[in-house]
C-alpha atoms as a PDB file:
ATOM      1  CA  UNK A   1      95.462 129.987  38.161  1.00  0.00           C
ATOM      2  CA  UNK A   2      99.175 129.598  38.857  1.00  0.00           C
ATOM      3  CA  UNK A   3     100.967 126.982  36.796  1.00  0.00           C
ATOM      4  CA  UNK A   4     102.731 125.726  39.920  1.00  0.00           C
ATOM      5  CA  UNK A   5      99.438 124.395  41.289  1.00  0.00           C
ATOM      6  CA  UNK A   6      99.187 121.974  38.380  1.00  0.00           C
ATOM      7  CA  UNK A   7     102.823 120.823  38.238  1.00  0.00           C
ATOM      8  CA  UNK A   8     105.519 119.803  40.649  1.00  0.00           C
ATOM      9  CA  UNK A   9     108.352 122.377  40.747  1.00  0.00           C
ATOM     10  CA  UNK A  10     110.770 120.207  38.780  1.00  0.00           C
ATOM     11  CA  UNK A  11     108.180 119.463  36.133  1.00  0.00           C
ATOM     12  CA  UNK A  12     107.359 123.174  35.855  1.00  0.00           C
ATOM     13  CA  UNK A  13     111.079 123.853  35.330  1.00  0.00           C
ATOM     14  CA  UNK A  14     111.301 121.071  32.740  1.00  0.00           C
ATOM     15  CA  UNK A  15     108.305 122.360  30.796  1.00  0.00           C
ATOM     16  CA  UNK A  16     109.840 125.844  30.726  1.00  0.00           C
ATOM     17  CA  UNK A  17     113.119 124.302  29.501  1.00  0.00           C
ATOM     18  CA  UNK A  18     111.426 122.322  26.726  1.00  0.00           C
ATOM     19  CA  UNK A  19     109.430 125.385  25.643  1.00  0.00           C
ATOM     20  CA  UNK A  20     112.646 127.403  25.453  1.00  0.00           C
ATOM     21  CA  UNK A  21     114.482 124.713  23.508  1.00  0.00           C
ATOM     22  CA  UNK A  22     111.630 124.502  21.008  1.00  0.00           C
ATOM     23  CA  UNK A  23     111.582 128.280  20.661  1.00  0.00           C
ATOM     24  CA  UNK A  24     115.309 129.052  20.462  1.00  0.00           C
ATOM     25  CA  UNK A  25     117.249 125.938  19.418  1.00  0.00           C
ATOM     26  CA  UNK A  26     118.497 126.262  15.841  1.00  0.00           C
ATOM     27  CA  UNK A  27     117.403 123.229  13.860  1.00  0.00           C
ATOM     28  CA  UNK A  28     116.357 119.939  15.415  1.00  0.00           C
ATOM     29  CA  UNK A  29     117.254 119.596  19.130  1.00  0.00           C
ATOM     30  CA  UNK A  30     118.576 116.372  20.623  1.00  0.00           C
ATOM     31  CA  UNK A  31     115.766 114.099  21.794  1.00  0.00           C
ATOM     32  CA  UNK A  32     116.968 114.397  25.393  1.00  0.00           C
ATOM     33  CA  UNK A  33     116.540 118.173  25.291  1.00  0.00           C
ATOM     34  CA  UNK A  34     112.811 117.859  24.678  1.00  0.00           C
ATOM     35  CA  UNK A  35     112.021 114.540  26.361  1.00  0.00           C
ATOM     36  CA  UNK A  36     108.850 114.407  28.410  1.00  0.00           C
ATOM     37  CA  UNK A  37     109.082 114.592  32.190  1.00  0.00           C
ATOM     38  CA  UNK A  38     108.385 110.865  32.511  1.00  0.00           C
ATOM     39  CA  UNK A  39     111.446 110.118  30.334  1.00  0.00           C
ATOM     40  CA  UNK A  40     113.737 112.527  32.187  1.00  0.00           C
ATOM     41  CA  UNK A  41     116.482 110.806  34.231  1.00  0.00           C
ATOM     42  CA  UNK A  42     116.027 110.893  38.003  1.00  0.00           C
ATOM     43  CA  UNK A  43     119.121 113.031  38.635  1.00  0.00           C
ATOM     44  CA  UNK A  44     117.801 115.600  36.166  1.00  0.00           C
ATOM     45  CA  UNK A  45     114.377 115.603  37.829  1.00  0.00           C
ATOM     46  CA  UNK A  46     116.027 116.277  41.170  1.00  0.00           C
ATOM     47  CA  UNK A  47     118.196 119.014  39.680  1.00  0.00           C
ATOM     48  CA  UNK A  48     115.215 120.671  37.973  1.00  0.00           C
ATOM     49  CA  UNK A  49     113.292 120.720  41.242  1.00  0.00           C
ATOM     50  CA  UNK A  50     116.264 122.130  43.135  1.00  0.00           C
ATOM     51  CA  UNK A  51     116.900 124.915  40.631  1.00  0.00           C
ATOM     52  CA  UNK A  52     113.202 125.792  40.530  1.00  0.00           C
ATOM     53  CA  UNK A  53     113.280 126.096  44.323  1.00  0.00           C
ATOM     54  CA  UNK A  54     116.446 128.214  44.283  1.00  0.00           C
ATOM     55  CA  UNK A  55     114.903 130.641  41.793  1.00  0.00           C
ATOM     56  CA  UNK A  56     111.597 130.748  43.680  1.00  0.00           C
ATOM     57  CA  UNK A  57     113.374 131.363  46.995  1.00  0.00           C
ATOM     58  CA  UNK A  58     115.511 134.095  45.425  1.00  0.00           C
ATOM     59  CA  UNK A  59     112.447 135.820  43.992  1.00  0.00           C
ATOM     60  CA  UNK A  60     110.601 135.601  47.305  1.00  0.00           C
ATOM     61  CA  UNK A  61     113.423 136.855  49.541  1.00  0.00           C
ATOM     62  CA  UNK A  62     114.114 139.676  47.083  1.00  0.00           C
ATOM     63  CA  UNK A  63     110.672 141.116  47.735  1.00  0.00           C
ATOM     64  CA  UNK A  64     109.826 141.783  44.110  1.00  0.00           C
ATOM     65  CA  UNK A  65     113.135 143.438  43.293  1.00  0.00           C
ATOM     66  CA  UNK A  66     114.049 140.679  40.820  1.00  0.00           C
ATOM     67  CA  UNK A  67     111.799 142.532  38.362  1.00  0.00           C
ATOM     68  CA  UNK A  68     114.635 145.082  38.174  1.00  0.00           C
ATOM     69  CA  UNK A  69     117.209 142.498  37.124  1.00  0.00           C
ATOM     70  CA  UNK A  70     118.169 142.328  33.483  1.00  0.00           C
ATOM     71  CA  UNK A  71     117.111 139.343  31.434  1.00  0.00           C
ATOM     72  CA  UNK A  72     120.759 138.292  31.299  1.00  0.00           C
ATOM     73  CA  UNK A  73     121.134 138.470  35.084  1.00  0.00           C
ATOM     74  CA  UNK A  74     118.087 136.246  35.472  1.00  0.00           C
ATOM     75  CA  UNK A  75     119.464 133.707  33.006  1.00  0.00           C
ATOM     76  CA  UNK A  76     122.889 133.752  34.634  1.00  0.00           C
ATOM     77  CA  UNK A  77     121.276 132.878  37.967  1.00  0.00           C
ATOM     78  CA  UNK A  78     119.542 129.836  36.471  1.00  0.00           C
ATOM     79  CA  UNK A  79     122.717 128.740  34.690  1.00  0.00           C
ATOM     80  CA  UNK A  80     124.820 129.006  37.846  1.00  0.00           C
ATOM     81  CA  UNK A  81     122.283 127.089  39.929  1.00  0.00           C
ATOM     82  CA  UNK A  82     122.222 124.383  37.236  1.00  0.00           C
ATOM     83  CA  UNK A  83     126.027 124.116  37.227  1.00  0.00           C
ATOM     84  CA  UNK A  84     125.979 123.518  40.990  1.00  0.00           C
ATOM     85  CA  UNK A  85     123.471 120.718  40.455  1.00  0.00           C
ATOM     86  CA  UNK A  86     125.669 119.131  37.787  1.00  0.00           C
ATOM     87  CA  UNK A  87     128.594 119.107  40.219  1.00  0.00           C
ATOM     88  CA  UNK A  88     126.311 117.627  42.876  1.00  0.00           C
ATOM     89  CA  UNK A  89     125.293 114.720  40.643  1.00  0.00           C
ATOM     90  CA  UNK A  90     128.538 114.069  38.696  1.00  0.00           C
ATOM     91  CA  UNK A  91     132.098 113.759  39.962  1.00  0.00           C
ATOM     92  CA  UNK A  92     133.706 114.639  36.622  1.00  0.00           C
ATOM     93  CA  UNK A  93     131.120 116.254  34.332  1.00  0.00           C
ATOM     94  CA  UNK A  94     131.855 117.105  30.722  1.00  0.00           C
ATOM     95  CA  UNK A  95     133.090 120.684  30.342  1.00  0.00           C
ATOM     96  CA  UNK A  96     130.035 121.603  28.278  1.00  0.00           C
ATOM     97  CA  UNK A  97     127.764 120.647  31.216  1.00  0.00           C
ATOM     98  CA  UNK A  98     129.432 123.197  33.491  1.00  0.00           C
ATOM     99  CA  UNK A  99     130.236 125.920  30.982  1.00  0.00           C
ATOM    100  CA  UNK A 100     130.058 129.484  32.255  1.00  0.00           C
ATOM    101  CA  UNK A 101     127.457 131.890  30.854  1.00  0.00           C
ATOM    102  CA  UNK A 102     129.767 133.390  28.230  1.00  0.00           C
ATOM    103  CA  UNK A 103     130.457 129.914  26.854  1.00  0.00           C
ATOM    104  CA  UNK A 104     126.807 128.876  26.540  1.00  0.00           C
ATOM    105  CA  UNK A 105     125.126 128.932  23.145  1.00  0.00           C
ATOM    106  CA  UNK A 106     122.639 131.761  22.627  1.00  0.00           C
ATOM    107  CA  UNK A 107     119.657 129.372  22.580  1.00  0.00           C
ATOM    108  CA  UNK A 108     120.573 128.099  26.033  1.00  0.00           C
ATOM    109  CA  UNK A 109     121.026 131.608  27.439  1.00  0.00           C
ATOM    110  CA  UNK A 110     117.591 132.610  26.150  1.00  0.00           C
ATOM    111  CA  UNK A 111     116.054 129.432  27.539  1.00  0.00           C
ATOM    112  CA  UNK A 112     117.589 129.979  30.988  1.00  0.00           C
ATOM    113  CA  UNK A 113     116.321 133.560  31.020  1.00  0.00           C
ATOM    114  CA  UNK A 114     112.837 132.373  30.060  1.00  0.00           C
ATOM    115  CA  UNK A 115     112.892 129.799  32.859  1.00  0.00           C
ATOM    116  CA  UNK A 116     113.632 132.455  35.472  1.00  0.00           C
ATOM    117  CA  UNK A 117     110.902 134.727  34.127  1.00  0.00           C
ATOM    118  CA  UNK A 118     108.315 131.949  34.021  1.00  0.00           C
ATOM    119  CA  UNK A 119     109.057 130.992  37.616  1.00  0.00           C
ATOM    120  CA  UNK A 120     109.031 134.636  38.662  1.00  0.00           C
ATOM    121  CA  UNK A 121     105.686 135.252  36.969  1.00  0.00           C
ATOM    122  CA  UNK A 122     104.127 132.130  38.477  1.00  0.00           C
ATOM    123  CA  UNK A 123     104.747 133.215  42.083  1.00  0.00           C
END
């Protein structure tokens, strides 16, 4: 059974994020990084749903060719979609919220790549 049948798209995205943080974050992550869906701020819920949809649409319109993308390319796509959502919800976000791929910590890159792959595999 597909995981998307049990969860809303944003919640699916959030669960993939939390799983990645728990797997890759060095040490103890901030509470907000692993907060349950019910404790996630509304803007972040909206952003998670939007990025899930962008990834899902990209996978679908690519006709299966996303399987040929590198893990890094997949993660970069998630990161870029997330940055757009940050700009949508905040007029002047902190620089760390809109950092480009090369500026992201390794744990976040791995998590973003996992998110893409989990969405891709669920479709």
